[in-house]
Amino acid sequence: MAQEDMTADQRVLLEHRAAVRVNLPNDATHAARTARWLAGQASYARLPGALVERLEQAAEQLEAAAFSIVGRIQAEGEERERLDLTTAAYQRRLERDQQT
C-alpha cells in the first residue's frame, strides 16, 4: 500500500473521510444528547407516552452506538500506528476491507 500509487486527489479524499470517521464519536454523543433533550421536551409538552418512550429508546440506542464507535475508532488508531500507515493509506485499507 505504498502511498506513491495514490493521486493527490485520492489522498485528500481519503484523509477527509478519515477525519469524518475520527469525529464520529462526537457526532454520536451529540445525537444521543439531542435525542435525550427531545424526549424531555416531548414529555414536558405532554405528547403521548408511547412517543416519548420511543424517543428515550432512540437516545439509549444512540448512546450505545457512541460507546461502540469510540472503542472502534480507538482500536483503529492503535492499529494504524502499529502498521505505521499514513491516515490516507489506513483509510484506503479500511475501505478495501469493506469491499471484500
Protein backbone atom coordinates (compact mmCIF):
# COMPACT_ATOMS: atom_id res chain seq x y z
CA MET A 1 0.00 0.00 0.00
CA ALA A 2 2.64 2.44 -0.93
CA GLN A 3 1.45 5.99 -0.86
CA GLU A 4 3.07 6.72 -4.23
CA ASP A 5 0.30 4.81 -6.06
CA MET A 6 -2.25 7.30 -4.69
CA THR A 7 -3.03 10.53 -6.51
CA ALA A 8 -3.15 13.79 -4.57
CA ASP A 9 -6.93 13.94 -5.04
CA GLN A 10 -7.34 10.39 -3.76
CA ARG A 11 -5.18 11.18 -0.74
CA VAL A 12 -7.19 14.31 0.09
CA LEU A 13 -10.49 12.45 -0.21
CA LEU A 14 -9.26 9.57 1.94
CA GLU A 15 -7.89 11.95 4.56
CA HIS A 16 -11.21 13.78 4.66
CA ARG A 17 -13.16 10.54 5.15
CA ALA A 18 -10.70 9.55 7.87
CA ALA A 19 -11.28 12.90 9.62
CA VAL A 20 -15.03 12.38 9.44
CA ARG A 21 -14.54 8.86 10.85
CA VAL A 22 -12.48 10.16 13.79
CA ASN A 23 -15.19 12.72 14.59
CA LEU A 24 -17.97 10.09 14.65
CA PRO A 25 -17.79 9.58 18.43
CA ASN A 26 -18.52 13.30 18.95
CA ASP A 27 -21.33 13.17 16.40
CA ALA A 28 -22.90 10.11 18.03
CA THR A 29 -22.65 11.61 21.50
CA HIS A 30 -24.23 14.84 20.27
CA ALA A 31 -27.06 12.89 18.62
CA ALA A 32 -27.71 10.99 21.86
CA ARG A 33 -27.81 14.24 23.88
CA THR A 34 -30.17 15.75 21.33
CA ALA A 35 -32.45 12.71 21.47
CA ARG A 36 -32.49 12.89 25.29
CA TRP A 37 -33.34 16.58 25.13
CA LEU A 38 -36.09 15.91 22.57
CA ALA A 39 -37.58 13.18 24.75
CA GLY A 40 -37.62 15.58 27.69
CA GLN A 41 -39.24 18.31 25.63
CA ALA A 42 -41.83 15.88 24.27
CA SER A 43 -42.63 14.71 27.79
CA TYR A 44 -42.90 18.29 29.05
CA ALA A 45 -45.21 19.14 26.14
CA ARG A 46 -47.37 16.18 27.18
CA LEU A 47 -47.02 14.29 23.91
CA PRO A 48 -48.27 10.69 24.02
CA GLY A 49 -46.25 8.47 26.34
CA ALA A 50 -45.54 5.96 23.57
CA LEU A 51 -43.82 8.65 21.52
CA VAL A 52 -41.76 9.84 24.48
CA GLU A 53 -40.77 6.23 25.18
CA ARG A 54 -39.65 5.74 21.57
CA LEU A 55 -37.54 8.88 21.80
CA GLU A 56 -35.97 7.65 25.04
CA GLN A 57 -35.23 4.29 23.39
CA ALA A 58 -33.64 6.08 20.45
CA ALA A 59 -31.43 8.02 22.87
CA GLU A 60 -30.37 4.78 24.56
CA GLN A 61 -29.51 3.22 21.19
CA LEU A 62 -27.52 6.30 20.19
CA GLU A 63 -25.63 6.22 23.49
CA ALA A 64 -24.77 2.55 22.93
CA ALA A 65 -23.68 3.33 19.37
CA ALA A 66 -21.49 6.19 20.60
CA PHE A 67 -19.79 3.87 23.08
CA SER A 68 -19.22 1.27 20.38
CA ILE A 69 -17.89 3.84 17.91
CA VAL A 70 -15.42 5.19 20.48
CA GLY A 71 -13.97 1.73 21.03
CA ARG A 72 -13.73 1.03 17.32
CA ILE A 73 -12.03 4.33 16.50
CA GLN A 74 -9.53 3.85 19.34
CA ALA A 75 -8.71 0.33 18.13
CA GLU A 76 -8.30 1.57 14.55
CA GLY A 77 -5.94 4.32 15.71
CA GLU A 78 -3.80 1.81 17.58
CA GLU A 79 -3.73 -0.49 14.55
CA ARG A 80 -2.80 2.37 12.21
CA GLU A 81 0.12 3.28 14.47
CA ARG A 82 1.21 -0.36 14.78
CA LEU A 83 1.16 -0.74 10.99
CA ASP A 84 2.91 2.62 10.60
CA LEU A 85 0.47 3.79 7.91
CA THR A 86 -0.47 7.31 6.94
CA THR A 87 -4.03 8.39 7.61
CA ALA A 88 -4.90 8.13 3.90
CA ALA A 89 -3.27 4.71 3.48
CA TYR A 90 -5.10 3.33 6.52
CA GLN A 91 -8.45 4.74 5.36
CA ARG A 92 -7.90 3.15 1.95
CA ARG A 93 -7.13 -0.15 3.68
CA LEU A 94 -10.39 0.09 5.68
CA GLU A 95 -12.39 0.84 2.54
CA ARG A 96 -10.81 -2.06 0.64
CA ASP A 97 -11.57 -4.41 3.52
CA GLN A 98 -15.23 -3.36 3.41
CA GLN A 99 -15.45 -4.30 -0.25
CA THR A 100 -14.33 -7.89 0.36
